[in-house]
Structures are given as C-alpha cells and as structure tokens.
Protein backbone atom coordinates (compact mmCIF):
# COMPACT_ATOMS: atom_id res chain seq x y z
CA MET A 1 39.31 55.50 149.28
CA ASP A 2 39.11 58.99 147.68
CA HIS A 3 42.18 60.22 149.71
CA GLU A 4 44.49 57.05 148.92
CA THR A 5 43.50 57.38 145.21
CA ASN A 6 44.46 61.11 145.35
CA ASN A 7 47.86 60.57 147.01
CA PRO A 8 50.02 59.51 144.00
CA GLU A 9 49.09 62.78 142.19
CA PRO A 10 50.68 65.45 144.39
CA THR A 11 53.54 63.02 144.77
CA ARG A 12 54.09 63.27 140.96
CA THR A 13 53.49 66.86 140.87
CA GLY A 14 55.92 67.25 143.44
CA ALA A 15 58.52 65.36 141.63
CA PHE A 16 57.74 67.42 138.45
CA SER A 17 58.19 70.65 140.68
CA ARG A 18 61.40 69.45 141.99
CA THR A 19 62.76 68.23 138.46
CA GLY A 20 61.48 71.78 137.12
CA SER A 21 63.23 73.57 139.79
CA LEU A 22 66.35 71.41 139.31
CA GLY A 23 66.49 72.45 135.73
CA SER A 24 65.77 75.88 136.24
CA SER A 25 68.74 75.66 138.48
CA LEU A 26 71.16 74.00 135.88
CA ARG A 27 69.59 76.51 133.35
CA LYS A 28 70.45 79.75 135.47
CA ARG A 29 73.98 77.76 136.40
CA SER A 30 74.73 77.21 132.56
CA ILE A 31 73.87 80.79 131.82
CA SER A 32 76.02 82.15 134.66
CA MET A 33 78.67 79.83 133.55
CA SER A 34 78.11 80.96 129.98
CA SER A 35 78.54 84.66 130.90
CA ALA A 36 81.60 84.09 132.88
CA VAL A 37 83.42 82.46 129.84
CA SER A 38 81.86 85.18 127.63
CA LEU A 39 83.19 87.90 129.88
CA HIS A 40 86.61 86.22 130.09
CA ILE A 41 86.87 85.77 126.27
CA ASP A 42 85.76 89.50 125.74
CA ASP A 43 88.53 90.58 128.20
CA ASP A 44 90.90 88.20 126.37
CA ILE A 45 89.95 89.69 122.97
CA GLU A 46 90.21 93.21 124.13
CA SER A 47 93.83 92.41 125.59
CA GLU A 48 95.14 91.05 122.34
CA SER A 49 93.24 93.56 120.20
CA VAL A 50 94.98 96.34 122.03
CA SER A 51 98.50 94.72 121.75
CA GLU A 52 97.66 94.15 118.16
CA ALA A 53 96.51 97.64 117.48
CA GLY A 54 99.74 98.86 115.54
CA ASP A 55 100.87 95.45 113.96
CA ILE A 56 101.22 91.99 113.97
CA GLY A 57 104.02 91.12 111.52
CA ASP A 58 103.88 88.09 109.11
CA ARG A 59 100.83 86.80 111.14
CA ALA A 60 98.84 89.17 109.33
CA LEU A 61 99.36 87.13 106.03
CA TYR A 62 98.21 83.94 107.63
CA SER A 63 95.19 85.36 109.45
CA GLY A 64 93.99 86.73 106.06
CA ARG A 65 93.95 83.01 104.70
CA HIS A 66 92.42 81.59 107.53
CA SER A 67 90.03 83.94 108.78
CA SER A 68 86.74 81.68 108.01
CA SER A 69 88.15 78.69 110.39
CA THR A 70 89.07 81.52 112.89
CA ARG A 71 85.80 82.90 113.01
CA LEU A 72 84.24 79.25 113.30
CA SER A 73 86.60 78.08 116.06
CA LEU A 74 85.47 81.07 118.28
CA ASP A 75 81.73 80.55 117.26
CA HIS A 76 82.35 76.93 118.34
CA ALA A 77 84.00 77.83 121.60
CA MET A 78 80.97 80.26 122.35
CA GLU A 79 78.34 77.62 121.62
CA GLY A 80 80.05 75.38 124.19
CA ALA A 81 80.67 78.03 126.76
CA ALA A 82 78.28 76.36 129.13
CA VAL A 83 79.82 72.95 129.22
CA ILE A 84 83.65 74.35 129.54
CA HIS A 85 85.61 73.60 132.56
CA PRO A 86 87.04 76.65 134.21
CA GLU A 87 90.39 75.40 133.73
CA ASP A 88 90.09 75.24 129.91
CA LEU A 89 89.14 78.86 129.49
CA HIS A 90 92.78 79.66 128.38
CA LYS A 91 92.30 77.05 125.68
CA ILE A 92 89.77 79.02 123.96
CA SER A 93 91.99 82.02 123.27
CA VAL A 94 94.76 79.91 122.12
CA VAL A 95 92.06 78.07 119.71
CA SER A 96 90.62 81.53 118.32
CA PRO A 97 93.52 84.15 117.98
CA VAL A 98 92.45 87.55 117.15
CA ARG A 99 92.74 88.95 113.53
CA GLU A 100 94.14 91.97 113.01
CA ASP A 101 90.86 93.25 111.60
CA ALA A 102 89.50 92.61 115.08
CA ILE A 103 90.12 96.09 116.13
CA PHE A 104 90.31 97.59 112.42
CA PRO A 105 87.51 95.59 110.73
CA LEU A 106 87.23 95.66 107.25
CA PRO A 107 84.12 97.20 105.67
CA VAL A 108 81.58 94.64 104.09
CA ASP A 109 80.65 94.93 100.72
CA PRO A 110 77.23 94.27 100.18
CA SER A 111 77.67 94.00 96.27
CA LYS A 112 79.74 90.80 96.37
CA GLY A 113 78.36 87.48 96.89
CA PRO A 114 79.89 84.28 98.26
CA GLY A 115 81.59 83.44 94.93
CA ASP A 116 83.09 86.83 94.61
CA GLU A 117 84.74 86.72 97.92
CA LYS A 118 86.35 83.49 97.26
CA GLN A 119 87.40 84.84 93.89
CA GLU A 120 88.92 87.73 95.57
CA LYS A 121 90.87 85.50 97.90
CA GLN A 122 92.79 84.12 94.83
CA GLY A 123 95.97 85.55 94.92
CA LEU A 124 99.56 85.02 94.93
CA PRO A 125 100.79 81.66 96.53
CA MET A 126 101.94 81.87 100.13
CA LEU A 127 105.67 82.13 99.11
CA LEU A 128 105.58 84.81 96.54
CA GLU A 129 103.08 86.68 98.85
CA TYR A 130 105.72 86.60 101.70
CA ILE A 131 108.25 87.92 99.18
CA SER A 132 105.90 90.79 97.80
CA CYS A 133 105.40 91.56 101.25
CA LEU A 134 108.94 91.74 101.76
CA VAL A 135 109.35 93.97 98.62
CA HIS A 136 106.38 96.36 99.86
CA LEU A 137 108.27 96.64 103.23
CA ALA A 138 111.55 97.70 101.94
CA VAL A 139 110.32 100.31 99.09
CA PHE A 140 108.26 102.12 101.52
CA GLY A 141 110.96 101.83 104.39
CA ILE A 142 113.43 103.60 101.83
CA LEU A 143 110.51 106.47 101.10
CA GLY A 144 109.91 106.64 104.77
CA VAL A 145 113.99 107.37 105.46
CA PHE A 146 113.45 110.01 102.56
CA THR A 147 110.36 111.70 104.16
CA ARG A 148 112.13 111.75 107.75
CA TYR A 149 115.39 112.80 106.50
CA LEU A 150 113.63 115.95 104.42
CA LEU A 151 111.32 116.91 107.67
CA GLU A 152 114.44 117.11 109.71
CA LYS A 153 116.11 119.15 107.31
CA LEU A 154 112.98 121.47 106.84
CA PHE A 155 112.43 122.15 110.54
CA GLY A 156 116.11 122.18 111.32
CA PRO A 157 118.18 124.98 111.90
CA SER A 158 119.11 125.32 108.54
CA VAL A 159 115.99 126.15 107.38
CA SER A 160 112.94 126.99 109.36
CA GLY A 161 115.29 126.63 112.79
CA VAL A 162 112.05 125.23 114.84
CA THR A 163 114.11 121.89 116.01
CA SER A 164 117.46 121.61 117.61
CA ASN A 165 119.77 119.03 119.39
CA GLN A 166 119.81 121.39 122.42
CA THR A 167 116.24 121.59 123.17
CA ILE A 168 113.43 119.24 123.80
CA VAL A 169 112.02 120.05 120.57
CA TYR A 170 114.32 117.23 119.13
CA PRO A 171 114.95 116.90 115.50
CA ASN A 172 112.62 113.97 114.73
CA LEU A 173 109.70 115.38 116.79
CA PRO A 174 108.18 116.77 113.35
CA SER A 175 108.31 113.31 111.69
CA ASN A 176 106.97 111.64 114.59
CA MET A 177 103.87 114.09 114.83
CA VAL A 178 103.33 113.46 110.90
CA GLY A 179 103.68 109.71 110.97
CA SER A 180 101.51 109.46 114.13
CA PHE A 181 98.96 111.69 112.36
CA LEU A 182 99.10 109.50 109.14
CA MET A 183 98.65 106.56 111.15
CA GLY A 184 95.17 107.86 112.28
CA TRP A 185 94.29 108.16 108.58
CA TRP A 186 96.08 104.79 107.20
CA GLY A 187 96.18 102.71 109.89
CA VAL A 188 92.97 103.30 111.69
CA VAL A 189 90.05 104.90 109.83
CA PHE A 190 91.04 104.00 106.31
CA LYS A 191 93.01 100.85 107.00
CA GLY A 192 89.96 98.67 106.00
CA ASN A 193 89.35 100.76 102.56
CA ILE A 194 93.22 100.23 101.68
CA SER A 195 93.28 96.63 102.77
CA ARG A 196 90.19 96.16 99.86
CA VAL A 197 92.39 97.28 97.46
CA SER A 198 95.41 95.05 98.77
CA ASP A 199 96.31 93.90 102.25
CA ILE A 200 99.71 93.96 101.31
CA LEU A 201 99.66 97.51 100.44
CA ALA A 202 98.17 98.45 103.95
CA ILE A 203 100.99 96.51 105.51
CA GLY A 204 103.62 98.58 103.20
CA LEU A 205 101.91 101.90 103.99
CA THR A 206 101.67 101.34 107.87
CA THR A 207 104.58 99.04 108.78
CA GLY A 208 106.66 100.21 106.09
CA TYR A 209 106.15 103.78 105.49
CA LEU A 210 104.64 105.01 108.65
CA GLY A 211 106.75 102.78 110.66
CA SER A 212 109.84 104.45 109.11
CA VAL A 213 109.05 107.97 108.98
CA THR A 214 108.82 107.69 112.79
CA THR A 215 111.58 106.75 114.93
CA PHE A 216 111.95 105.76 118.71
CA SER A 217 115.57 105.43 119.07
CA GLY A 218 116.28 108.70 117.56
CA TRP A 219 114.00 110.36 119.95
CA ASN A 220 115.64 108.49 122.84
CA GLN A 221 119.38 109.35 121.57
CA LYS A 222 118.45 113.09 121.71
CA MET A 223 117.17 112.70 125.37
CA LEU A 224 120.23 110.96 126.22
CA ASP A 225 122.40 113.76 124.58
CA LEU A 226 120.92 116.26 126.85
CA SER A 227 121.13 114.03 129.96
CA VAL A 228 124.80 113.66 129.18
CA ASN A 229 125.45 117.19 129.51
CA GLY A 230 123.36 117.43 132.61
CA HIS A 231 120.14 118.77 131.19
CA TRP A 232 118.13 115.80 133.21
CA VAL A 233 114.71 118.00 133.44
CA GLN A 234 114.69 118.71 129.68
CA ALA A 235 115.35 115.19 128.96
CA ILE A 236 112.22 113.99 131.26
CA LEU A 237 110.20 116.84 129.72
CA GLY A 238 111.39 115.85 126.02
CA PHE A 239 109.88 112.37 126.92
CA LEU A 240 106.57 113.71 128.03
CA VAL A 241 106.16 116.51 125.75
CA GLY A 242 107.20 113.83 122.75
CA LEU A 243 104.63 111.42 124.01
CA PHE A 244 101.95 114.20 124.33
CA LEU A 245 102.32 115.74 121.12
CA ALA A 246 102.63 112.07 119.13
CA ALA A 247 99.23 111.06 121.20
CA TYR A 248 97.62 114.06 120.33
CA SER A 249 98.64 113.89 116.65
CA ILE A 250 97.01 110.39 116.15
CA ILE A 251 94.03 111.62 117.90
CA PHE A 252 93.79 114.64 115.20
CA GLY A 253 94.30 112.20 112.55
CA ILE A 254 91.46 109.90 113.24
CA GLU A 255 89.22 112.79 113.77
CA THR A 256 90.08 114.37 110.57
CA ALA A 257 90.11 111.31 108.91
CA LYS A 258 86.42 110.48 109.87
CA GLY A 259 85.28 113.89 109.12
CA PHE A 260 86.82 113.44 105.42
CA ARG A 261 84.79 109.90 105.33
CA TRP A 262 81.75 111.61 106.49
CA ILE A 263 82.02 114.12 103.44
CA LEU A 264 82.76 111.31 101.09
CA LYS A 265 79.89 109.46 102.10
CA ARG A 266 77.75 112.46 101.81
CA LEU A 267 78.86 113.11 98.33
CA ASN A 268 78.30 109.67 97.54
CA THR A 269 74.60 109.68 98.87
CA SER A 270 74.00 112.88 96.84
CA MET A 271 75.44 111.46 93.62
CA ASN A 272 73.44 108.17 94.25
CA LYS A 273 76.63 106.08 94.56
CA GLU A 274 77.53 103.26 96.84
CA GLU A 275 80.70 103.59 98.58
CA PRO A 276 82.16 100.15 97.83
CA SER A 277 81.99 100.83 94.29
CA THR A 278 84.97 103.29 94.36
CA TYR A 279 87.28 100.62 95.17
CA CYS A 280 86.17 98.09 92.45
CA ASN A 281 88.53 99.15 89.65
CA TRP A 282 91.63 99.31 91.92
CA ARG A 283 91.16 96.25 93.70
CA LEU A 284 93.86 93.57 93.34
CA ASN A 285 91.84 90.41 93.12
CA SER A 286 93.78 87.86 90.91
CA PHE A 287 97.06 86.57 90.57
CA ARG A 288 98.14 88.45 87.75
CA HIS A 289 97.25 91.78 89.36
CA HIS A 290 99.27 90.76 92.41
CA LEU A 291 102.17 89.47 90.39
CA ALA A 292 102.31 92.55 88.18
CA ALA A 293 102.18 94.87 91.68
CA MET A 294 105.11 92.90 92.89
CA VAL A 295 107.16 93.08 89.75
CA VAL A 296 106.94 97.07 89.64
CA LEU A 297 107.60 97.41 93.13
CA LEU A 298 110.69 95.07 92.95
CA LEU A 299 112.06 96.85 89.73
CA PHE A 300 111.69 100.15 91.72
CA LEU A 301 113.38 98.79 94.40
CA GLY A 302 116.07 97.81 92.43
CA VAL A 303 116.25 101.29 90.88
CA LEU A 304 116.32 102.76 94.65
CA LEU A 305 119.19 100.82 95.82
CA SER A 306 121.35 101.09 92.65
CA VAL A 307 120.97 104.95 92.71
CA SER A 308 121.87 104.93 96.62
CA GLY A 309 124.74 102.88 96.00
CA SER A 310 126.11 104.74 93.30
CA LEU A 311 125.62 108.13 95.10
CA LEU A 312 126.96 106.66 98.36
CA LYS A 313 130.40 105.59 96.28
CA ASN A 314 130.75 109.07 94.94
CA GLU A 315 130.01 111.22 98.34
CA PHE A 316 131.45 108.75 100.88
CA GLY A 317 134.57 109.99 100.86
CA SER A 318 133.10 113.77 101.58
CA GLY A 319 131.37 112.68 104.89
CA SER A 320 128.54 114.80 103.93
CA SER A 321 124.99 114.34 104.80
CA GLY A 322 123.72 113.19 101.57
CA ALA A 323 126.31 110.16 102.09
CA GLN A 324 124.64 109.41 105.35
CA LEU A 325 121.34 109.44 103.35
CA TRP A 326 122.54 106.94 100.70
CA LEU A 327 123.81 104.63 103.27
CA ALA A 328 120.57 104.75 105.19
CA CYS A 329 118.57 103.90 102.25
CA LEU A 330 120.80 100.89 101.67
CA VAL A 331 120.26 99.32 105.38
CA ALA A 332 116.87 100.90 105.57
CA PRO A 333 115.00 97.58 104.33
CA LEU A 334 116.66 95.40 106.96
CA GLY A 335 115.36 97.29 109.77
CA VAL A 336 111.99 97.13 108.58
CA TRP A 337 111.90 93.61 107.71
CA ILE A 338 113.15 92.81 111.49
CA ARG A 339 110.43 95.22 113.07
CA TRP A 340 107.98 93.50 111.00
CA PHE A 341 108.87 90.01 112.26
CA LEU A 342 109.32 91.17 115.72
CA ALA A 343 105.51 92.32 115.58
CA ARG A 344 104.32 88.82 115.12
CA PHE A 345 104.85 88.69 118.93
CA ASN A 346 102.43 91.30 119.72
CA GLY A 347 99.52 89.88 121.54
CA ARG A 348 101.05 86.41 122.34
CA GLY A 349 101.90 87.12 126.08
CA LEU A 350 104.51 85.32 127.93
CA GLY A 351 105.02 81.46 128.30
CA LYS A 352 102.48 78.85 127.49
CA SER A 353 99.76 80.66 129.46
CA GLY A 354 99.92 83.82 127.36
CA ILE A 355 100.21 86.03 130.41
CA LEU A 356 100.28 89.79 129.62
CA ARG A 357 98.82 89.58 126.36
CA TRP A 358 97.95 92.85 126.28
CA PHE A 359 101.81 94.10 126.11
CA PRO A 360 103.18 94.56 122.61
CA PHE A 361 106.28 92.55 123.25
CA GLY A 362 107.38 92.89 119.85
CA THR A 363 107.38 96.56 119.33
CA LEU A 364 108.88 96.70 122.66
CA VAL A 365 111.81 94.49 121.68
CA ALA A 366 112.19 96.64 118.48
CA ASN A 367 112.19 100.02 120.22
CA VAL A 368 114.29 99.15 123.05
CA SER A 369 117.14 97.04 121.15
CA ALA A 370 117.14 99.78 118.43
CA ALA A 371 117.56 102.62 121.16
CA GLY A 372 120.38 100.34 122.93
CA ILE A 373 122.44 99.80 119.63
CA MET A 374 122.15 103.78 118.70
CA ALA A 375 123.56 104.23 122.04
CA GLY A 376 126.35 101.94 121.15
CA LEU A 377 127.04 103.49 117.99
CA SER A 378 126.85 107.19 119.53
CA THR A 379 129.39 106.16 122.03
CA ALA A 380 131.58 104.30 119.27
CA GLU A 381 131.09 107.75 117.39
CA LYS A 382 132.62 109.60 119.99
CA SER A 383 135.57 107.48 121.01
CA VAL A 384 136.65 107.02 117.34
CA ASN A 385 136.35 110.72 116.22
CA ASN A 386 136.69 109.87 112.61
CA MET A 387 134.96 111.26 109.54
CA LYS A 388 134.44 107.93 107.63
CA PHE A 389 133.05 105.92 110.76
CA SER A 390 130.90 108.89 111.54
CA THR A 391 129.35 108.43 108.29
CA ILE A 392 128.71 104.84 108.84
CA ALA A 393 127.45 105.29 112.18
CA THR A 394 125.20 107.88 111.41
CA GLY A 395 124.02 106.31 108.21
CA ILE A 396 123.16 103.04 110.20
CA GLN A 397 120.89 105.06 112.82
CA LEU A 398 119.44 107.10 110.23
CA GLY A 399 118.25 104.17 108.50
CA PHE A 400 118.71 100.74 110.00
CA LEU A 401 118.04 101.81 113.36
CA GLY A 402 115.63 104.51 112.54
CA CYS A 403 113.54 101.77 110.65
CA LEU A 404 114.00 99.15 113.32
CA SER A 405 112.33 101.40 115.81
CA THR A 406 108.91 103.16 115.26
CA VAL A 407 106.64 105.71 117.12
CA SER A 408 103.38 105.43 114.82
CA THR A 409 103.09 101.73 115.53
CA PHE A 410 103.87 102.60 119.25
CA ILE A 411 101.71 105.17 119.67
CA ALA A 412 98.87 103.29 117.98
CA GLU A 413 98.82 100.93 120.60
CA PHE A 414 99.18 103.49 123.17
CA ASN A 415 96.05 105.20 121.97
CA ALA A 416 94.02 101.77 121.63
CA MET A 417 94.83 100.84 125.23
CA ARG A 418 94.13 104.30 126.60
CA GLU A 419 90.65 104.12 124.95
CA SER A 420 90.22 100.52 126.15
CA LYS A 421 88.50 99.06 129.67
CA HIS A 422 91.92 99.40 131.22
CA PRO A 423 93.41 102.80 130.23
CA TRP A 424 96.29 102.58 132.81
CA ARG A 425 98.08 99.67 130.58
CA ALA A 426 98.80 102.79 128.11
CA TYR A 427 100.98 104.56 130.63
CA VAL A 428 102.64 101.35 132.09
CA TYR A 429 103.19 100.35 128.19
CA ALA A 430 104.85 103.85 127.84
CA SER A 431 106.65 104.12 130.79
CA THR A 432 108.24 101.00 130.24
CA THR A 433 109.32 101.61 126.73
CA MET A 434 110.71 105.01 127.50
CA GLY A 435 112.11 103.85 130.92
CA VAL A 436 114.16 100.75 129.90
CA SER A 437 115.47 102.62 126.79
CA PHE A 438 116.56 105.30 128.70
CA ILE A 439 118.19 103.45 131.65
CA LEU A 440 119.73 101.37 129.01
CA GLY A 441 121.10 104.18 127.07
CA ILE A 442 122.69 105.84 130.41
CA LEU A 443 124.73 102.46 130.93
CA ILE A 444 125.92 102.24 127.58
CA TYR A 445 126.02 105.84 126.37
CA ASN A 446 126.21 108.15 129.39
CA ILE A 447 128.58 106.48 131.66
CA PRO A 448 131.16 105.56 129.10
CA VAL A 449 131.24 109.05 127.92
CA TRP A 450 131.48 110.49 131.62
CA SER A 451 134.28 108.06 132.39
CA LYS A 452 136.31 108.99 129.26
CA GLY A 453 135.36 112.57 129.49
CA LEU A 454 133.94 112.56 126.20
CA ALA A 455 130.90 115.02 127.13
C-alpha cells in the first residue's frame, strides 16, 4: 500500500525532470541560435562599416535624421534573435542599416540632456540641408583643386624637382599623400568632433576638400603614360609605391592625430576643463546658424566661380597652365557632386540580397569611370594636337575628373578593410580598382596611341 501511494510521486518528479530538461534544451538552443544570429549581424555590420569607412554620400543626411529609429530597429532585431528564422537573417541587415558613425562614432557630450539633443537636431529643412551640402562640397572641392595644383607645382620640375612625368614619383603623389594624411585627422580621429560643430562641414572637409586634393584618375593616367612608352615595370611599381605611400600616410595621420588629441585632453585636465565645452561656442545648433553658414558659403562660391570665369576668359587664348586651372575650378563642383552621389552605393552590395556588401562599389565606379574618361581625353588630345583643345582637355582632367576620382576615400576604405577581421579584402579591393582602371586605360589610350603611332 505504501508502495502504491508513493508511485505517482516519482512519476511527477520524472515529468518535471523531463520538462526541465526540455526547457533547458530549448534555452540552450535559443541561446545558440541567438549567438548565431548575433555573429551574423556582427559580420554584416563590419562588412558595411568597412565599405562605408570613406563616404556614404547623401545617405549621411538621412541617417543623421533617423539615427534613433535605426538604433531601435537594431535593438528589436537583437531582442528577437532567438525566434528569427535563419532564412530571414538577411532582413535584419536591411531593416537596420549602419550609419556612418558606426565606424567613426561621434563622442557623447555628458553635459547635454535629452532636450538639448532634440534642440540641436533642429536645423535646416531637408531640401535646404541638401542644397547646403552641395554648396559646401562645391566650395571645398574648388579649394581642393587649388591645393592639388599648388602641390603639383611645388614638387614639380619647375620648383623642387621631386616629381616627374617620366618616373614612378608622379606629379600627383605629394597631393595624394597629403590628402591621405589629413584624412587620418579629419576623416578618422577628429571626424566626430567636426560633426559636433556641423555634420555638413564634416562632409565638406572629407568628401569635398580631401576627396578633391587627391586624385586617382591622374595617378592611373601617369602609369598609362609610362606603359605606352614601354616602361611597364615602372608603371607597376608606380601603382605599388603609390598605394604603399598613401596607406602609410593615413596611418601616420591617425597616429599623430591621436597623439595631438591626447595632448589636448591632458591640457584640458590640467586646466580643469571638460573636452566637450570646447565646441559649445562653435556648434551650429539652430536654423539661423545653419542658414547663415549656407548663405556665406554660397556667396563665397559665387565669388570663386566669377573670378575663375573672368580669368579663364582673359587667359584662354594663351593656353597657359593658369587657363587650365580656372577652367578646372569651374567644372570641379560637378565632379564632387557626382562622386558624393555615387558614394550612397557604398555598403549596399549587389542585388536585393546585398551580396559583397563589404565592397565600396560607389567609390569603385567613381574612380574607374574617371580613369576611363581621362584616358579617352588623353587619346583625343594626342590626336587633335590643338592648343585650345589641350587647354579644355587638361582643365577637365584637372577639375572634373580630378574631383570625380579620389585617393583619400579609397585609402580610408582600404585601411578600414586592412584592420578588419578580413584583411584580405583590402588587397582585393585595391587590386580590383587599379587593375580594372589600368586595363580599361590600355584599351582606351594605349592601343589607339600605338595603332596611330602617336607615342
């Protein structure tokens, strides 16, 4: 009797045990699935981040306005990771796109409350913000052309004699190194600080100025000039040396910028000051401030274009390098705008599934197309052999194509890939950009020059 009354108890205990075991198994499976989803999302985020390291074009304006909703969508995706079906994993990355500050996070100002942050977001309407961004890009793009022209003259045969058209130390190498170095400062270490003053200013400095100081199409064309005369080894070495020096220029820029920031922090600490307070007086945090900055730059752009047009009219007939520069200033904004628009495709991948999301297709298209057009203009210039046509072709190459292509953005993306979990991607990206551009240039420039005996 005692035995019979005790029978049900072990049965219930066994049931509880089996239920507990099943629950434990489900929890383990849930955790395992959550970890798998988390790893997938992390890898997807890194793939987008390295592709967006240099620029994301006009998407930066939208991501700044919707940063909070983006963060919430990512949080919801992570919270529901245990119940997401593996086939739906790709939807997570679509729902939660990565903002530009995922790789260059903006510092948080502890002195601001929620109300202050909301107030700071109140700037220009979307249309005016877009126009303001185009104006910033145009002004800084023209200034970038000026800087590249001056560096080319400074290090060229007429002054210091460091660069030459007949060696691997090509004329645009100094400007590519300087632009890559400054990208380490303004585009990596201090980009968040600049954005705290103005997001559009950060775009103007990095995409506009640094993207125009450096040029990939000019680099590629000089290697084509070497190869068309039979100097193939020098052409290949020119690509390798140019990549090596630009890559170490941005590394040197990042390290020196970090050192400078450390010094500033020590000085602020010794003076009992908080770092965020340094930017309070400079921050554009109202509609009036943003509008005033846009109007000032718009007037400055008008002056630049008017002066450039007037000087071009006076010097065009002479065929001087000055005439080429003034024409370059007039067409430079169009090159910057197109490159900025193409940058929106960085981090998006191919097709609906977004394959190869780590590859910056926007920057690739900008650089390869600029290199191809420059090769075509160089072929036409040799064929026509006319002074006025040479002035027009060189001005377009210096301004429009020099600003359409970029080394600073390219090398920022290369550096981000090299420091990621998949460093091989950096070399695939660099090899693809240089290889496709060079082969396209051979078809457009070398073969016609050889066939017509214009070398």
